[in-house]
Structure formats: C-alpha cells, structure tokens
Amino acid sequence: MNRNKYSAGAVKFSLWFMEFRKEVQLLSQGKSFDEIKKLSEDENIFGASTPARAAMIQSTLTARIKGMDSSFYPLFMDSDVSSQKLYALTGCFTHDTLFFDFMYEVVREKLIMGTNILTDADIRIFFKNKQAQDDHVAEWTDQTLARLGKSYKTHLYEAGLLGEDKFKEERTILKPILDPILKHWLEDYGYGQVAKAMEGIR
C-alpha cells in the first residue's frame, strides 16, 4: 500500500459511503472517472449542497478509489452493506496515510491488548507522537488536531467500527468479522496491513 504525505484534509471529509457506492456502481457500469466528474458537475449525482462541495466529494472519492486495485469493483457490488462500508474505509486508508497509521497503531494495538475502549486521551497521545516524528504535523494547531480526532471517530463510527456514544470521551471499538472474500482481496492486493488493523492482529 502506498504511503502519502501526512495530511489534515480529513477535517473536511467524511466516509461518504453512499457516494462511494454510487461511484463504484457507475464504474462497474463502464463509466470513466472523467464521465463521473461531468455527471457530478452537471447533475449533482452526489447530492452536494454546493458546486464546490460536489467537486470536493467527487475528487476525494476518485482519489480513494484510484488508490485501490480496480478488481474490488465486482466484489464490492456483490457484498453486503457491512462489507461495502469496509471497502469504503479501505479507500480512506489508501488515501490518508495518517488515518491509516491511527487505525494501525492505536485501534489495532488496543484490540491486540484485549481492550475495546478508545479514549480521547489515546487520540491526543497519537497526535503528540506524530508531531514529534513529523515536522509537517508539528505545525498543526491543537484545534486542527481536535477536529482530526473527531473526524477519525466519525469515519470509524460510520463504517461500523466504533460505538455510537458520540459525546463521550470513551468509545467502544467494534471489531468486525471480515468477509472471507474481502479479507482475501485485501491480502492478495497488498492491503494485508488493513486487514490486520481492522481485525486487531499482529
């Protein structure tokens, strides 16, 4: 899996599962990324509130999907909703290396240690460590980091991996049972670390 430069872009992004499913459906029907971009511009197929928002959703989803091997399209279309959400989450990970590192280094380690509780303190420690390791992250404000933490929790909640106690400082990690087809695809196409992060294994 490619590693992109750390970014705080997730403060503006969502999992956008329904939109992700729409784009994969169109790709499965033979549409190109350029055709989907034009449909977004002309017909607002993602139901965005403004043209700028539509452009951001379309460009972000396209980047996420392009970061994944296209062999997932038919697998996605044949999967249940729970698995489809995990494909969408994988797209987030391929696009956002910092978010993946959070999943791998924090959530996965929690599950390995036998705890299913994620705290706001865990998130703050993760960002503090990253600021010590990366000059770019070190420049981000506390407000940006707080918004990133909230965004990560929202992504995981929408993907079905985090409990719904949205306003609590402790959230329950919901370990998924990966569909064998999804798991094999992750392992066969270079996303084995994603499978380990989701399942909480070494």
N, C-alpha and C. Protein backbone atom coordinates (compact mmCIF):
# COMPACT_ATOMS: atom_id res chain seq x y z
N MET A 1 0.85 -1.19 0.00
CA MET A 1 0.00 0.00 0.00
C MET A 1 0.89 1.24 0.00
N ASN A 2 0.59 2.17 -0.90
CA ASN A 2 1.38 3.39 -0.98
C ASN A 2 1.15 4.26 0.25
N ARG A 3 2.20 5.00 0.61
CA ARG A 3 2.11 5.92 1.75
C ARG A 3 2.20 7.36 1.24
N ASN A 4 1.11 8.10 1.41
CA ASN A 4 1.09 9.50 1.02
C ASN A 4 1.60 10.37 2.16
N LYS A 5 1.95 11.61 1.83
CA LYS A 5 2.37 12.56 2.85
C LYS A 5 1.23 12.79 3.84
N TYR A 6 1.58 12.92 5.12
CA TYR A 6 0.55 13.16 6.13
C TYR A 6 -0.26 14.41 5.78
N SER A 7 -1.58 14.31 5.97
CA SER A 7 -2.47 15.41 5.62
C SER A 7 -3.54 15.57 6.70
N ALA A 8 -3.97 16.82 6.88
CA ALA A 8 -5.08 17.12 7.79
C ALA A 8 -6.38 17.30 7.02
N GLY A 9 -6.41 16.85 5.76
CA GLY A 9 -7.58 17.02 4.92
C GLY A 9 -8.84 16.38 5.47
N ALA A 10 -8.67 15.36 6.31
CA ALA A 10 -9.83 14.65 6.85
C ALA A 10 -10.74 15.53 7.70
N VAL A 11 -10.27 16.70 8.12
CA VAL A 11 -11.14 17.60 8.88
C VAL A 11 -12.33 18.04 8.01
N LYS A 12 -12.17 17.96 6.68
CA LYS A 12 -13.23 18.39 5.77
C LYS A 12 -13.97 17.22 5.16
N PHE A 13 -13.48 16.00 5.38
CA PHE A 13 -14.00 14.84 4.67
C PHE A 13 -14.90 13.99 5.56
N SER A 14 -15.64 13.11 4.90
CA SER A 14 -16.49 12.12 5.57
C SER A 14 -16.18 10.76 4.95
N LEU A 15 -16.76 9.71 5.51
CA LEU A 15 -16.65 8.40 4.86
C LEU A 15 -17.34 8.45 3.51
N TRP A 16 -18.45 9.20 3.42
CA TRP A 16 -19.22 9.34 2.18
C TRP A 16 -19.54 7.98 1.58
N PHE A 17 -20.11 7.11 2.40
CA PHE A 17 -20.35 5.74 1.94
C PHE A 17 -21.33 5.68 0.78
N MET A 18 -22.46 6.36 0.89
CA MET A 18 -23.45 6.30 -0.19
C MET A 18 -22.87 6.85 -1.49
N GLU A 19 -22.08 7.90 -1.38
CA GLU A 19 -21.46 8.49 -2.56
C GLU A 19 -20.39 7.55 -3.14
N PHE A 20 -19.64 6.90 -2.24
CA PHE A 20 -18.63 5.92 -2.66
C PHE A 20 -19.32 4.79 -3.43
N ARG A 21 -20.42 4.30 -2.88
CA ARG A 21 -21.15 3.21 -3.54
C ARG A 21 -21.66 3.65 -4.91
N LYS A 22 -22.15 4.89 -5.00
CA LYS A 22 -22.64 5.41 -6.27
C LYS A 22 -21.52 5.43 -7.31
N GLU A 23 -20.34 5.90 -6.92
CA GLU A 23 -19.24 5.99 -7.88
C GLU A 23 -18.77 4.60 -8.31
N VAL A 24 -18.65 3.66 -7.37
CA VAL A 24 -18.24 2.31 -7.74
C VAL A 24 -19.28 1.66 -8.65
N GLN A 25 -20.55 1.92 -8.38
CA GLN A 25 -21.63 1.39 -9.23
C GLN A 25 -21.48 1.90 -10.66
N LEU A 26 -21.21 3.20 -10.80
CA LEU A 26 -21.05 3.79 -12.13
C LEU A 26 -19.81 3.24 -12.83
N LEU A 27 -18.72 3.07 -12.08
CA LEU A 27 -17.51 2.48 -12.66
C LEU A 27 -17.78 1.05 -13.11
N SER A 28 -18.57 0.32 -12.33
CA SER A 28 -18.91 -1.07 -12.68
C SER A 28 -19.75 -1.12 -13.95
N GLN A 29 -20.49 -0.04 -14.20
CA GLN A 29 -21.32 0.03 -15.41
C GLN A 29 -20.54 0.52 -16.62
N GLY A 30 -19.26 0.79 -16.43
CA GLY A 30 -18.40 1.18 -17.55
C GLY A 30 -18.12 2.66 -17.67
N LYS A 31 -18.62 3.46 -16.73
CA LYS A 31 -18.33 4.89 -16.75
C LYS A 31 -16.87 5.13 -16.40
N SER A 32 -16.28 6.18 -16.97
CA SER A 32 -14.91 6.56 -16.64
C SER A 32 -14.94 7.59 -15.51
N PHE A 33 -13.78 7.83 -14.91
CA PHE A 33 -13.70 8.84 -13.86
C PHE A 33 -14.05 10.22 -14.41
N ASP A 34 -13.64 10.51 -15.64
CA ASP A 34 -13.96 11.80 -16.24
C ASP A 34 -15.47 11.94 -16.47
N GLU A 35 -16.12 10.86 -16.88
CA GLU A 35 -17.56 10.91 -17.08
C GLU A 35 -18.30 11.11 -15.76
N ILE A 36 -17.79 10.48 -14.71
CA ILE A 36 -18.40 10.65 -13.39
C ILE A 36 -18.21 12.08 -12.90
N LYS A 37 -17.06 12.66 -13.17
CA LYS A 37 -16.82 14.06 -12.80
C LYS A 37 -17.82 14.97 -13.50
N LYS A 38 -18.06 14.71 -14.77
CA LYS A 38 -19.01 15.55 -15.52
C LYS A 38 -20.43 15.36 -15.00
N LEU A 39 -20.79 14.12 -14.65
CA LEU A 39 -22.12 13.87 -14.08
C LEU A 39 -22.29 14.61 -12.76
N SER A 40 -21.22 14.65 -11.98
CA SER A 40 -21.27 15.38 -10.71
C SER A 40 -21.48 16.86 -10.94
N GLU A 41 -20.76 17.39 -11.94
CA GLU A 41 -20.87 18.82 -12.25
C GLU A 41 -22.23 19.19 -12.84
N ASP A 42 -22.73 18.34 -13.74
CA ASP A 42 -23.95 18.67 -14.49
C ASP A 42 -25.23 18.25 -13.78
N GLU A 43 -25.17 17.12 -13.05
CA GLU A 43 -26.40 16.56 -12.48
C GLU A 43 -26.35 16.43 -10.96
N ASN A 44 -25.24 16.84 -10.34
CA ASN A 44 -25.10 16.77 -8.88
C ASN A 44 -25.48 15.38 -8.36
N ILE A 45 -24.87 14.35 -8.95
CA ILE A 45 -25.25 12.97 -8.62
C ILE A 45 -24.95 12.59 -7.17
N PHE A 46 -24.11 13.37 -6.49
CA PHE A 46 -23.80 13.07 -5.10
C PHE A 46 -24.65 13.89 -4.12
N GLY A 47 -25.56 14.69 -4.66
CA GLY A 47 -26.47 15.44 -3.80
C GLY A 47 -25.79 16.45 -2.91
N ALA A 48 -24.73 17.08 -3.40
CA ALA A 48 -23.98 18.04 -2.61
C ALA A 48 -24.72 19.36 -2.48
N SER A 49 -24.41 20.10 -1.41
CA SER A 49 -25.12 21.35 -1.13
C SER A 49 -24.68 22.51 -2.01
N THR A 50 -23.43 22.43 -2.50
CA THR A 50 -22.91 23.48 -3.37
C THR A 50 -22.02 22.84 -4.44
N PRO A 51 -21.77 23.54 -5.55
CA PRO A 51 -20.85 23.00 -6.57
C PRO A 51 -19.45 22.74 -6.01
N ALA A 52 -18.99 23.61 -5.11
CA ALA A 52 -17.66 23.40 -4.52
C ALA A 52 -17.62 22.12 -3.69
N ARG A 53 -18.71 21.90 -2.94
CA ARG A 53 -18.80 20.68 -2.14
C ARG A 53 -18.86 19.45 -3.04
N ALA A 54 -19.60 19.53 -4.12
CA ALA A 54 -19.69 18.43 -5.08
C ALA A 54 -18.32 18.10 -5.65
N ALA A 55 -17.56 19.13 -5.99
CA ALA A 55 -16.23 18.92 -6.56
C ALA A 55 -15.30 18.26 -5.55
N MET A 56 -15.41 18.66 -4.28
CA MET A 56 -14.55 18.08 -3.25
C MET A 56 -14.90 16.61 -3.02
N ILE A 57 -16.20 16.30 -2.96
CA ILE A 57 -16.61 14.92 -2.76
C ILE A 57 -16.13 14.05 -3.92
N GLN A 58 -16.38 14.52 -5.14
CA GLN A 58 -16.01 13.74 -6.32
C GLN A 58 -14.50 13.52 -6.40
N SER A 59 -13.72 14.57 -6.18
CA SER A 59 -12.27 14.43 -6.31
C SER A 59 -11.69 13.54 -5.21
N THR A 60 -12.25 13.65 -4.00
CA THR A 60 -11.76 12.83 -2.89
C THR A 60 -12.11 11.37 -3.09
N LEU A 61 -13.35 11.10 -3.50
CA LEU A 61 -13.75 9.72 -3.74
C LEU A 61 -12.93 9.10 -4.88
N THR A 62 -12.70 9.87 -5.91
CA THR A 62 -11.91 9.36 -7.04
C THR A 62 -10.49 9.03 -6.59
N ALA A 63 -9.90 9.89 -5.77
CA ALA A 63 -8.55 9.62 -5.26
C ALA A 63 -8.54 8.36 -4.40
N ARG A 64 -9.56 8.18 -3.57
CA ARG A 64 -9.64 6.98 -2.73
C ARG A 64 -9.76 5.72 -3.58
N ILE A 65 -10.64 5.77 -4.57
CA ILE A 65 -10.88 4.59 -5.40
C ILE A 65 -9.66 4.28 -6.27
N LYS A 66 -9.00 5.30 -6.78
CA LYS A 66 -7.81 5.07 -7.59
C LYS A 66 -6.66 4.49 -6.76
N GLY A 67 -6.72 4.69 -5.45
CA GLY A 67 -5.71 4.13 -4.57
C GLY A 67 -5.90 2.64 -4.31
N MET A 68 -7.02 2.10 -4.78
CA MET A 68 -7.34 0.68 -4.61
C MET A 68 -7.29 -0.02 -5.97
N ASP A 69 -6.93 -1.29 -5.96
CA ASP A 69 -6.93 -2.05 -7.21
C ASP A 69 -8.38 -2.18 -7.70
N SER A 70 -8.59 -1.94 -8.98
CA SER A 70 -9.94 -1.91 -9.53
C SER A 70 -10.64 -3.27 -9.48
N SER A 71 -9.92 -4.32 -9.15
CA SER A 71 -10.53 -5.65 -9.04
C SER A 71 -11.58 -5.71 -7.93
N PHE A 72 -11.62 -4.69 -7.07
CA PHE A 72 -12.60 -4.72 -5.98
C PHE A 72 -14.02 -4.35 -6.46
N TYR A 73 -14.15 -3.76 -7.64
CA TYR A 73 -15.48 -3.29 -8.08
C TYR A 73 -16.54 -4.40 -8.01
N PRO A 74 -16.33 -5.54 -8.69
CA PRO A 74 -17.39 -6.57 -8.66
C PRO A 74 -17.57 -7.18 -7.27
N LEU A 75 -16.49 -7.27 -6.51
CA LEU A 75 -16.58 -7.81 -5.15
C LEU A 75 -17.44 -6.89 -4.29
N PHE A 76 -17.21 -5.59 -4.44
CA PHE A 76 -17.99 -4.59 -3.70
C PHE A 76 -19.46 -4.71 -4.05
N MET A 77 -19.78 -4.79 -5.33
CA MET A 77 -21.17 -4.81 -5.77
C MET A 77 -21.91 -6.07 -5.29
N ASP A 78 -21.17 -7.14 -5.07
CA ASP A 78 -21.78 -8.40 -4.61
C ASP A 78 -21.78 -8.54 -3.09
N SER A 79 -21.24 -7.57 -2.36
CA SER A 79 -21.10 -7.66 -0.91
C SER A 79 -22.31 -7.08 -0.19
N ASP A 80 -22.45 -7.46 1.08
CA ASP A 80 -23.49 -6.84 1.90
C ASP A 80 -23.02 -5.46 2.34
N VAL A 81 -23.93 -4.69 2.94
CA VAL A 81 -23.62 -3.30 3.29
C VAL A 81 -22.46 -3.20 4.27
N SER A 82 -22.40 -4.10 5.24
CA SER A 82 -21.32 -4.05 6.23
C SER A 82 -19.96 -4.17 5.56
N SER A 83 -19.84 -5.10 4.63
CA SER A 83 -18.57 -5.27 3.92
C SER A 83 -18.30 -4.11 2.98
N GLN A 84 -19.35 -3.59 2.34
CA GLN A 84 -19.17 -2.44 1.46
C GLN A 84 -18.60 -1.25 2.23
N LYS A 85 -19.05 -1.07 3.47
CA LYS A 85 -18.53 0.03 4.28
C LYS A 85 -17.04 -0.17 4.57
N LEU A 86 -16.62 -1.42 4.71
CA LEU A 86 -15.20 -1.68 4.97
C LEU A 86 -14.36 -1.45 3.71
N TYR A 87 -14.92 -1.71 2.55
CA TYR A 87 -14.22 -1.34 1.31
C TYR A 87 -14.07 0.18 1.25
N ALA A 88 -15.13 0.90 1.59
CA ALA A 88 -15.07 2.37 1.59
C ALA A 88 -14.03 2.87 2.59
N LEU A 89 -13.98 2.23 3.76
CA LEU A 89 -12.99 2.61 4.76
C LEU A 89 -11.58 2.33 4.27
N THR A 90 -11.40 1.22 3.56
CA THR A 90 -10.10 0.91 2.97
C THR A 90 -9.68 2.01 2.01
N GLY A 91 -10.64 2.55 1.26
CA GLY A 91 -10.34 3.68 0.38
C GLY A 91 -9.84 4.88 1.15
N CYS A 92 -10.43 5.13 2.32
CA CYS A 92 -9.95 6.22 3.19
C CYS A 92 -8.51 5.97 3.60
N PHE A 93 -8.20 4.73 3.95
CA PHE A 93 -6.85 4.40 4.40
C PHE A 93 -5.82 4.55 3.29
N THR A 94 -6.17 4.14 2.07
CA THR A 94 -5.22 4.25 0.97
C THR A 94 -4.95 5.71 0.61
N HIS A 95 -5.92 6.56 0.88
CA HIS A 95 -5.81 7.98 0.54
C HIS A 95 -5.18 8.79 1.66
N ASP A 96 -5.41 8.39 2.90
CA ASP A 96 -5.00 9.17 4.07
C ASP A 96 -4.09 8.32 4.97
N THR A 97 -2.79 8.48 4.78
CA THR A 97 -1.82 7.65 5.50
C THR A 97 -1.87 7.89 7.00
N LEU A 98 -2.12 9.12 7.43
CA LEU A 98 -2.17 9.41 8.86
C LEU A 98 -3.35 8.70 9.51
N PHE A 99 -4.48 8.68 8.83
CA PHE A 99 -5.66 7.98 9.34
C PHE A 99 -5.37 6.48 9.44
N PHE A 100 -4.71 5.93 8.42
CA PHE A 100 -4.35 4.51 8.48
C PHE A 100 -3.41 4.25 9.65
N ASP A 101 -2.42 5.11 9.84
CA ASP A 101 -1.49 4.91 10.96
C ASP A 101 -2.24 4.94 12.30
N PHE A 102 -3.23 5.81 12.41
CA PHE A 102 -4.04 5.86 13.63
C PHE A 102 -4.75 4.52 13.84
N MET A 103 -5.32 3.99 12.78
CA MET A 103 -6.02 2.71 12.88
C MET A 103 -5.05 1.59 13.25
N TYR A 104 -3.89 1.60 12.60
CA TYR A 104 -2.92 0.51 12.79
C TYR A 104 -2.21 0.60 14.13
N GLU A 105 -1.84 1.80 14.52
CA GLU A 105 -1.03 1.98 15.72
C GLU A 105 -1.84 2.12 17.00
N VAL A 106 -3.07 2.58 16.89
CA VAL A 106 -3.88 2.81 18.09
C VAL A 106 -4.99 1.76 18.21
N VAL A 107 -5.90 1.74 17.24
CA VAL A 107 -7.05 0.84 17.33
C VAL A 107 -6.59 -0.62 17.31
N ARG A 108 -5.72 -0.96 16.36
CA ARG A 108 -5.22 -2.34 16.27
C ARG A 108 -4.53 -2.76 17.55
N GLU A 109 -3.68 -1.89 18.10
CA GLU A 109 -2.95 -2.23 19.32
C GLU A 109 -3.90 -2.41 20.50
N LYS A 110 -4.95 -1.61 20.53
CA LYS A 110 -5.95 -1.76 21.59
C LYS A 110 -6.55 -3.17 21.55
N LEU A 111 -6.94 -3.60 20.35
CA LEU A 111 -7.55 -4.91 20.21
C LEU A 111 -6.56 -6.03 20.53
N ILE A 112 -5.31 -5.87 20.12
CA ILE A 112 -4.29 -6.87 20.43
C ILE A 112 -4.12 -7.00 21.95
N MET A 113 -4.18 -5.86 22.64
CA MET A 113 -4.01 -5.86 24.09
C MET A 113 -5.25 -6.36 24.83
N GLY A 114 -6.33 -6.58 24.09
CA GLY A 114 -7.53 -7.14 24.69
C GLY A 114 -8.49 -6.12 25.26
N THR A 115 -8.35 -4.86 24.84
CA THR A 115 -9.30 -3.85 25.28
C THR A 115 -10.07 -3.32 24.08
N ASN A 116 -11.33 -2.97 24.29
CA ASN A 116 -12.14 -2.46 23.18
C ASN A 116 -12.60 -1.03 23.46
N ILE A 117 -11.82 -0.30 24.24
CA ILE A 117 -12.16 1.08 24.59
C ILE A 117 -11.15 2.04 23.96
N LEU A 118 -11.66 2.98 23.19
CA LEU A 118 -10.84 4.04 22.61
C LEU A 118 -11.17 5.34 23.33
N THR A 119 -10.15 6.01 23.86
CA THR A 119 -10.38 7.24 24.60
C THR A 119 -9.83 8.44 23.84
N ASP A 120 -10.32 9.61 24.21
CA ASP A 120 -9.78 10.85 23.61
C ASP A 120 -8.32 11.01 23.97
N ALA A 121 -7.91 10.51 25.14
CA ALA A 121 -6.50 10.58 25.54
C ALA A 121 -5.64 9.76 24.59
N ASP A 122 -6.15 8.61 24.13
CA ASP A 122 -5.41 7.79 23.16
C ASP A 122 -5.15 8.59 21.89
N ILE A 123 -6.16 9.33 21.46
CA ILE A 123 -6.03 10.12 20.23
C ILE A 123 -5.02 11.24 20.42
N ARG A 124 -5.09 11.92 21.56
CA ARG A 124 -4.15 13.02 21.83
C ARG A 124 -2.71 12.50 21.87
N ILE A 125 -2.50 11.36 22.48
CA ILE A 125 -1.15 10.78 22.56
C ILE A 125 -0.64 10.42 21.17
N PHE A 126 -1.51 9.87 20.35
CA PHE A 126 -1.13 9.53 18.97
C PHE A 126 -0.64 10.77 18.22
N PHE A 127 -1.40 11.85 18.29
CA PHE A 127 -1.01 13.07 17.58
C PHE A 127 0.26 13.69 18.17
N LYS A 128 0.40 13.62 19.48
CA LYS A 128 1.61 14.15 20.10
C LYS A 128 2.84 13.40 19.61
N ASN A 129 2.72 12.09 19.50
CA ASN A 129 3.83 11.28 18.99
C ASN A 129 4.13 11.62 17.54
N LYS A 130 3.09 11.81 16.74
CA LYS A 130 3.30 12.14 15.33
C LYS A 130 3.93 13.52 15.17
N GLN A 131 3.57 14.45 16.06
CA GLN A 131 4.18 15.78 15.99
C GLN A 131 5.67 15.71 16.31
N ALA A 132 6.05 14.78 17.16
CA ALA A 132 7.46 14.61 17.49
C ALA A 132 8.23 13.94 16.34
N GLN A 133 7.50 13.18 15.52
CA GLN A 133 8.13 12.42 14.44
C GLN A 133 8.14 13.15 13.10
N ASP A 134 7.20 14.08 12.92
CA ASP A 134 6.99 14.68 11.60
C ASP A 134 6.87 16.20 11.73
N ASP A 135 7.73 16.92 11.05
CA ASP A 135 7.75 18.38 11.13
C ASP A 135 6.46 18.99 10.59
N HIS A 136 5.88 18.36 9.58
CA HIS A 136 4.64 18.87 8.99
C HIS A 136 3.50 18.81 10.01
N VAL A 137 3.36 17.68 10.66
CA VAL A 137 2.31 17.53 11.68
C VAL A 137 2.58 18.45 12.86
N ALA A 138 3.84 18.69 13.16
CA ALA A 138 4.20 19.55 14.29
C ALA A 138 3.68 20.97 14.12
N GLU A 139 3.41 21.37 12.88
CA GLU A 139 2.93 22.73 12.62
C GLU A 139 1.43 22.88 12.82
N TRP A 140 0.71 21.80 12.96
CA TRP A 140 -0.74 21.87 13.08
C TRP A 140 -1.17 22.35 14.45
N THR A 141 -2.25 23.11 14.50
CA THR A 141 -2.73 23.66 15.76
C THR A 141 -3.49 22.61 16.56
N ASP A 142 -3.66 22.88 17.84
CA ASP A 142 -4.45 21.98 18.69
C ASP A 142 -5.88 21.85 18.17
N GLN A 143 -6.41 22.95 17.64
CA GLN A 143 -7.77 22.93 17.09
C GLN A 143 -7.86 21.97 15.90
N THR A 144 -6.87 22.03 15.02
CA THR A 144 -6.84 21.13 13.87
C THR A 144 -6.77 19.68 14.31
N LEU A 145 -5.93 19.40 15.30
CA LEU A 145 -5.77 18.03 15.78
C LEU A 145 -7.06 17.53 16.44
N ALA A 146 -7.73 18.41 17.17
CA ALA A 146 -9.00 18.03 17.80
C ALA A 146 -10.04 17.70 16.74
N ARG A 147 -10.10 18.51 15.68
CA ARG A 147 -11.05 18.26 14.60
C ARG A 147 -10.71 16.97 13.86
N LEU A 148 -9.42 16.69 13.69
CA LEU A 148 -9.00 15.45 13.05
C LEU A 148 -9.44 14.24 13.87
N GLY A 149 -9.24 14.32 15.18
CA GLY A 149 -9.64 13.23 16.05
C GLY A 149 -11.13 12.95 15.95
N LYS A 150 -11.93 14.00 15.93
CA LYS A 150 -13.38 13.84 15.79
C LYS A 150 -13.73 13.23 14.43
N SER A 151 -13.01 13.65 13.40
CA SER A 151 -13.26 13.12 12.06
C SER A 151 -12.94 11.63 12.00
N TYR A 152 -11.82 11.23 12.59
CA TYR A 152 -11.44 9.82 12.59
C TYR A 152 -12.51 8.99 13.29
N LYS A 153 -12.99 9.48 14.44
CA LYS A 153 -14.01 8.74 15.17
C LYS A 153 -15.30 8.64 14.35
N THR A 154 -15.65 9.71 13.64
CA THR A 154 -16.85 9.69 12.81
C THR A 154 -16.71 8.69 11.67
N HIS A 155 -15.54 8.68 11.03
CA HIS A 155 -15.29 7.71 9.96
C HIS A 155 -15.49 6.29 10.47
N LEU A 156 -14.89 5.99 11.61
CA LEU A 156 -14.96 4.63 12.16
C LEU A 156 -16.38 4.28 12.58
N TYR A 157 -17.08 5.25 13.14
CA TYR A 157 -18.48 5.02 13.53
C TYR A 157 -19.33 4.72 12.30
N GLU A 158 -19.17 5.52 11.26
CA GLU A 158 -19.98 5.33 10.05
C GLU A 158 -19.65 4.02 9.34
N ALA A 159 -18.43 3.52 9.55
CA ALA A 159 -18.02 2.25 8.94
C ALA A 159 -18.43 1.06 9.81
N GLY A 160 -18.96 1.33 11.00
CA GLY A 160 -19.42 0.27 11.88
C GLY A 160 -18.37 -0.27 12.83
N LEU A 161 -17.28 0.49 13.02
CA LEU A 161 -16.18 0.01 13.86
C LEU A 161 -16.10 0.71 15.21
N LEU A 162 -17.03 1.62 15.49
CA LEU A 162 -16.99 2.36 16.74
C LEU A 162 -18.42 2.55 17.26
N GLY A 163 -18.60 2.44 18.58
CA GLY A 163 -19.90 2.62 19.19
C GLY A 163 -20.43 4.03 19.00
N GLU A 164 -21.72 4.22 19.29
CA GLU A 164 -22.38 5.47 18.94
C GLU A 164 -22.44 6.49 20.06
N ASP A 165 -21.69 6.30 21.13
CA ASP A 165 -21.68 7.29 22.22
C ASP A 165 -20.87 8.50 21.79
N LYS A 166 -21.46 9.29 20.91
CA LYS A 166 -20.72 10.33 20.18
C LYS A 166 -20.09 11.39 21.07
N PHE A 167 -20.69 11.65 22.22
CA PHE A 167 -20.21 12.77 23.03
C PHE A 167 -19.41 12.32 24.25
N LYS A 168 -19.11 11.03 24.30
CA LYS A 168 -18.33 10.51 25.42
C LYS A 168 -16.85 10.48 25.06
N GLU A 169 -16.00 10.62 26.07
CA GLU A 169 -14.57 10.58 25.84
C GLU A 169 -14.06 9.16 25.66
N GLU A 170 -14.91 8.17 25.97
CA GLU A 170 -14.57 6.78 25.74
C GLU A 170 -15.57 6.17 24.77
N ARG A 171 -15.07 5.51 23.75
CA ARG A 171 -15.93 4.88 22.74
C ARG A 171 -15.58 3.40 22.63
N THR A 172 -16.57 2.58 22.38
CA THR A 172 -16.37 1.15 22.25
C THR A 172 -15.93 0.80 20.83
N ILE A 173 -14.81 0.09 20.72
CA ILE A 173 -14.34 -0.40 19.43
C ILE A 173 -15.12 -1.66 19.08
N LEU A 174 -15.71 -1.69 17.90
CA LEU A 174 -16.49 -2.84 17.44
C LEU A 174 -15.66 -3.60 16.40
N LYS A 175 -15.08 -4.71 16.83
CA LYS A 175 -14.21 -5.49 15.95
C LYS A 175 -15.04 -6.18 14.88
N PRO A 176 -14.75 -5.92 13.61
CA PRO A 176 -15.55 -6.54 12.55
C PRO A 176 -15.12 -7.99 12.29
N ILE A 177 -16.05 -8.76 11.78
CA ILE A 177 -15.73 -10.08 11.26
C ILE A 177 -15.63 -9.93 9.75
N LEU A 178 -14.42 -9.99 9.23
CA LEU A 178 -14.23 -9.73 7.81
C LEU A 178 -14.80 -10.87 6.96
N ASP A 179 -15.56 -10.50 5.95
CA ASP A 179 -16.00 -11.47 4.97
C ASP A 179 -14.76 -12.10 4.32
N PRO A 180 -14.71 -13.43 4.15
CA PRO A 180 -13.51 -14.07 3.58
C PRO A 180 -13.10 -13.49 2.23
N ILE A 181 -14.08 -13.13 1.41
CA ILE A 181 -13.74 -12.57 0.09
C ILE A 181 -13.02 -11.23 0.25
N LEU A 182 -13.53 -10.38 1.15
CA LEU A 182 -12.87 -9.10 1.42
C LEU A 182 -11.47 -9.32 1.98
N LYS A 183 -11.36 -10.22 2.94
CA LYS A 183 -10.06 -10.47 3.56
C LYS A 183 -9.04 -10.98 2.55
N HIS A 184 -9.45 -11.92 1.71
CA HIS A 184 -8.54 -12.44 0.70
C HIS A 184 -8.13 -11.36 -0.29
N TRP A 185 -9.09 -10.50 -0.66
CA TRP A 185 -8.74 -9.42 -1.59
C TRP A 185 -7.73 -8.47 -0.95
N LEU A 186 -7.94 -8.11 0.31
CA LEU A 186 -7.00 -7.23 1.00
C LEU A 186 -5.60 -7.83 1.02
N GLU A 187 -5.52 -9.12 1.31
CA GLU A 187 -4.22 -9.78 1.41
C GLU A 187 -3.57 -9.98 0.04
N ASP A 188 -4.38 -10.29 -0.97
CA ASP A 188 -3.85 -10.58 -2.30
C ASP A 188 -3.38 -9.35 -3.04
N TYR A 189 -3.95 -8.19 -2.71
CA TYR A 189 -3.64 -6.99 -3.49
C TYR A 189 -2.84 -5.94 -2.69
N GLY A 190 -2.14 -6.39 -1.67
CA GLY A 190 -1.21 -5.51 -0.97
C GLY A 190 -1.78 -4.71 0.17
N TYR A 191 -2.98 -5.07 0.66
CA TYR A 191 -3.60 -4.33 1.75
C TYR A 191 -3.72 -5.20 3.01
N GLY A 192 -2.77 -6.12 3.16
CA GLY A 192 -2.80 -7.02 4.32
C GLY A 192 -2.76 -6.28 5.64
N GLN A 193 -2.05 -5.15 5.67
CA GLN A 193 -1.98 -4.37 6.91
C GLN A 193 -3.33 -3.79 7.28
N VAL A 194 -4.16 -3.50 6.27
CA VAL A 194 -5.51 -3.01 6.54
C VAL A 194 -6.32 -4.09 7.23
N ALA A 195 -6.21 -5.33 6.74
CA ALA A 195 -6.91 -6.44 7.36
C ALA A 195 -6.46 -6.61 8.81
N LYS A 196 -5.17 -6.52 9.04
CA LYS A 196 -4.64 -6.66 10.41
C LYS A 196 -5.15 -5.53 11.30
N ALA A 197 -5.21 -4.33 10.76
CA ALA A 197 -5.69 -3.19 11.55
C ALA A 197 -7.15 -3.37 11.93
N MET A 198 -7.96 -3.83 10.98
CA MET A 198 -9.38 -4.00 11.25
C MET A 198 -9.64 -5.13 12.24
N GLU A 199 -8.89 -6.21 12.10
CA GLU A 199 -9.11 -7.39 12.94
C GLU A 199 -8.36 -7.34 14.26
N GLY A 200 -7.39 -6.42 14.35
CA GLY A 200 -6.62 -6.33 15.58
C GLY A 200 -5.68 -7.50 15.78
N ILE A 201 -4.90 -7.83 14.75
CA ILE A 201 -3.97 -8.95 14.85
C ILE A 201 -2.56 -8.50 14.45
N ARG A 202 -1.58 -9.27 14.89
CA ARG A 202 -0.19 -8.96 14.58
C ARG A 202 0.18 -9.48 13.20
